[in-house]
Amino acid sequence: MFQGICFMVNGKMCVCVRKDEMMCRIGPDKYKEALEKNGCRPMVHRGKTMVGFVFISPEGMRTKADFDYWMKCSLDFNKIARASNKKDRQTIKAKQNEKSN
């Protein structure tokens, strides 16, 4: 789905790295505020804007403080985020295996 390396925390997707961007799962409460930050853009998947998910360009994480901000947002939301159910995870894993074969 994200075409990159995904990092899970407590069994939940937290951040993904794709090419030179980082996708952060920050939740709907911080979404509007995040989009005002330099180098941040909404995540659009199959034509639908995914509220609560943002892409951060290298420009948006130039400094350690910038990077730490995005990681903190992602980890804070991870504490309250729901994990996908086991069936969803099995379906995703099966699709990934199909692609690699």
C-alpha atoms as a PDB file:
ATOM      1  CA  MET A   1       0.000   0.000   0.000  1.00  0.00           C
ATOM      2  CA  PHE A   2       2.764   2.468   0.882  1.00  0.00           C
ATOM      3  CA  GLN A   3       5.540   1.123  -1.369  1.00  0.00           C
ATOM      4  CA  GLY A   4       8.297   1.503   1.163  1.00  0.00           C
ATOM      5  CA  ILE A   5       9.528   0.339   4.527  1.00  0.00           C
ATOM      6  CA  CYS A   6       6.919   0.524   7.254  1.00  0.00           C
ATOM      7  CA  PHE A   7       7.763   0.724  10.942  1.00  0.00           C
ATOM      8  CA  MET A   8       5.277  -0.782  13.351  1.00  0.00           C
ATOM      9  CA  VAL A   9       4.965   0.141  17.033  1.00  0.00           C
ATOM     10  CA  ASN A  10       2.838  -2.027  19.331  1.00  0.00           C
ATOM     11  CA  GLY A  11       1.476  -3.900  16.311  1.00  0.00           C
ATOM     12  CA  LYS A  12       0.308  -0.673  14.640  1.00  0.00           C
ATOM     13  CA  MET A  13       1.684   1.150  11.632  1.00  0.00           C
ATOM     14  CA  CYS A  14       3.508   4.256  12.813  1.00  0.00           C
ATOM     15  CA  VAL A  15       5.753   5.656  10.049  1.00  0.00           C
ATOM     16  CA  CYS A  16       6.817   4.540   6.591  1.00  0.00           C
ATOM     17  CA  VAL A  17       9.754   5.573   4.456  1.00  0.00           C
ATOM     18  CA  ARG A  18       9.270   5.772   0.700  1.00  0.00           C
ATOM     19  CA  LYS A  19      12.013   7.088  -1.556  1.00  0.00           C
ATOM     20  CA  ASP A  20      13.030  10.380   0.076  1.00  0.00           C
ATOM     21  CA  GLU A  21       9.778  10.966   1.979  1.00  0.00           C
ATOM     22  CA  MET A  22       8.425   9.823   5.308  1.00  0.00           C
ATOM     23  CA  MET A  23       4.762   9.017   5.802  1.00  0.00           C
ATOM     24  CA  CYS A  24       3.541   9.728   9.323  1.00  0.00           C
ATOM     25  CA  ARG A  25       0.347   8.455  10.905  1.00  0.00           C
ATOM     26  CA  ILE A  26      -0.487  11.410  13.116  1.00  0.00           C
ATOM     27  CA  GLY A  27      -4.256  11.106  13.507  1.00  0.00           C
ATOM     28  CA  PRO A  28      -7.072  13.492  12.638  1.00  0.00           C
ATOM     29  CA  ASP A  29      -6.565  15.849  15.593  1.00  0.00           C
ATOM     30  CA  LYS A  30      -3.141  17.090  14.424  1.00  0.00           C
ATOM     31  CA  TYR A  31      -3.862  16.827  10.716  1.00  0.00           C
ATOM     32  CA  LYS A  32      -4.754  20.461   9.872  1.00  0.00           C
ATOM     33  CA  GLU A  33      -1.945  21.836  12.036  1.00  0.00           C
ATOM     34  CA  ALA A  34       0.524  19.466  10.374  1.00  0.00           C
ATOM     35  CA  LEU A  35      -0.409  20.555   6.854  1.00  0.00           C
ATOM     36  CA  GLU A  36       0.674  24.091   7.713  1.00  0.00           C
ATOM     37  CA  LYS A  37       4.228  22.888   8.410  1.00  0.00           C
ATOM     38  CA  ASN A  38       6.960  23.236   5.827  1.00  0.00           C
ATOM     39  CA  GLY A  39       7.414  20.140   3.645  1.00  0.00           C
ATOM     40  CA  CYS A  40       4.158  18.452   4.699  1.00  0.00           C
ATOM     41  CA  ARG A  41       1.493  17.303   2.269  1.00  0.00           C
ATOM     42  CA  PRO A  42      -1.632  15.168   2.605  1.00  0.00           C
ATOM     43  CA  MET A  43      -1.571  11.492   1.789  1.00  0.00           C
ATOM     44  CA  VAL A  44      -3.845  10.613  -1.111  1.00  0.00           C
ATOM     45  CA  HIS A  45      -4.522   6.920  -1.710  1.00  0.00           C
ATOM     46  CA  ARG A  46      -6.595   5.811  -4.711  1.00  0.00           C
ATOM     47  CA  GLY A  47      -7.948   9.333  -5.101  1.00  0.00           C
ATOM     48  CA  LYS A  48      -9.022   9.650  -1.468  1.00  0.00           C
ATOM     49  CA  THR A  49      -7.349  11.990   1.014  1.00  0.00           C
ATOM     50  CA  MET A  50      -6.364   9.965   4.060  1.00  0.00           C
ATOM     51  CA  VAL A  51      -7.030  12.323   6.977  1.00  0.00           C
ATOM     52  CA  GLY A  52      -4.533  11.611   9.729  1.00  0.00           C
ATOM     53  CA  PHE A  53      -1.736  10.528   7.377  1.00  0.00           C
ATOM     54  CA  VAL A  54       0.823  12.945   5.917  1.00  0.00           C
ATOM     55  CA  PHE A  55       3.927  12.797   3.778  1.00  0.00           C
ATOM     56  CA  ILE A  56       6.974  14.752   4.867  1.00  0.00           C
ATOM     57  CA  SER A  57       9.545  15.780   2.264  1.00  0.00           C
ATOM     58  CA  PRO A  58      13.246  16.163   3.068  1.00  0.00           C
ATOM     59  CA  GLU A  59      12.601  19.911   3.366  1.00  0.00           C
ATOM     60  CA  GLY A  60      10.210  19.214   6.260  1.00  0.00           C
ATOM     61  CA  MET A  61      12.753  17.236   8.251  1.00  0.00           C
ATOM     62  CA  ARG A  62      15.978  19.109   7.674  1.00  0.00           C
ATOM     63  CA  THR A  63      16.897  19.406  11.318  1.00  0.00           C
ATOM     64  CA  LYS A  64      16.849  16.902  14.154  1.00  0.00           C
ATOM     65  CA  ALA A  65      14.161  19.032  15.816  1.00  0.00           C
ATOM     66  CA  ASP A  66      11.984  18.759  12.672  1.00  0.00           C
ATOM     67  CA  PHE A  67      12.438  14.987  12.507  1.00  0.00           C
ATOM     68  CA  ASP A  68      11.799  14.610  16.244  1.00  0.00           C
ATOM     69  CA  TYR A  69       8.555  16.607  15.893  1.00  0.00           C
ATOM     70  CA  TRP A  70       7.179  14.189  13.295  1.00  0.00           C
ATOM     71  CA  MET A  71       8.279  11.140  15.233  1.00  0.00           C
ATOM     72  CA  LYS A  72       6.662  12.487  18.405  1.00  0.00           C
ATOM     73  CA  CYS A  73       3.385  13.173  16.569  1.00  0.00           C
ATOM     74  CA  SER A  74       3.401   9.644  15.158  1.00  0.00           C
ATOM     75  CA  LEU A  75       4.304   7.960  18.442  1.00  0.00           C
ATOM     76  CA  ASP A  76       1.758  10.022  20.383  1.00  0.00           C
ATOM     77  CA  PHE A  77      -1.009   8.978  18.017  1.00  0.00           C
ATOM     78  CA  ASN A  78       0.190   5.371  18.075  1.00  0.00           C
ATOM     79  CA  LYS A  79      -0.750   5.174  21.756  1.00  0.00           C
ATOM     80  CA  ILE A  80      -4.433   5.691  20.910  1.00  0.00           C
ATOM     81  CA  ALA A  81      -4.580   4.277  17.372  1.00  0.00           C
ATOM     82  CA  ARG A  82      -6.394   1.041  16.694  1.00  0.00           C
ATOM     83  CA  ALA A  83      -4.456  -1.842  15.228  1.00  0.00           C
ATOM     84  CA  SER A  84      -5.880  -3.420  12.106  1.00  0.00           C
ATOM     85  CA  ASN A  85      -7.602  -6.681  12.823  1.00  0.00           C
ATOM     86  CA  LYS A  86      -5.768  -9.961  12.279  1.00  0.00           C
ATOM     87  CA  LYS A  87      -7.735 -10.783   9.120  1.00  0.00           C
ATOM     88  CA  ASP A  88      -6.693  -7.458   7.521  1.00  0.00           C
ATOM     89  CA  ARG A  89      -3.043  -8.090   8.375  1.00  0.00           C
ATOM     90  CA  GLN A  90      -3.202 -11.593   6.867  1.00  0.00           C
ATOM     91  CA  THR A  91      -4.740 -10.217   3.661  1.00  0.00           C
ATOM     92  CA  ILE A  92      -2.030  -7.564   3.382  1.00  0.00           C
ATOM     93  CA  LYS A  93       0.730 -10.116   3.982  1.00  0.00           C
ATOM     94  CA  ALA A  94      -0.737 -12.466   1.342  1.00  0.00           C
ATOM     95  CA  LYS A  95      -0.808  -9.635  -1.228  1.00  0.00           C
ATOM     96  CA  GLN A  96       2.802  -8.738  -0.429  1.00  0.00           C
ATOM     97  CA  ASN A  97       3.847 -12.365  -0.910  1.00  0.00           C
ATOM     98  CA  GLU A  98       2.070 -12.470  -4.285  1.00  0.00           C
ATOM     99  CA  LYS A  99       4.004  -9.417  -5.457  1.00  0.00           C
ATOM    100  CA  SER A 100       7.369 -10.857  -4.428  1.00  0.00           C
ATOM    101  CA  ASN A 101       6.784 -14.188  -6.227  1.00  0.00           C
END
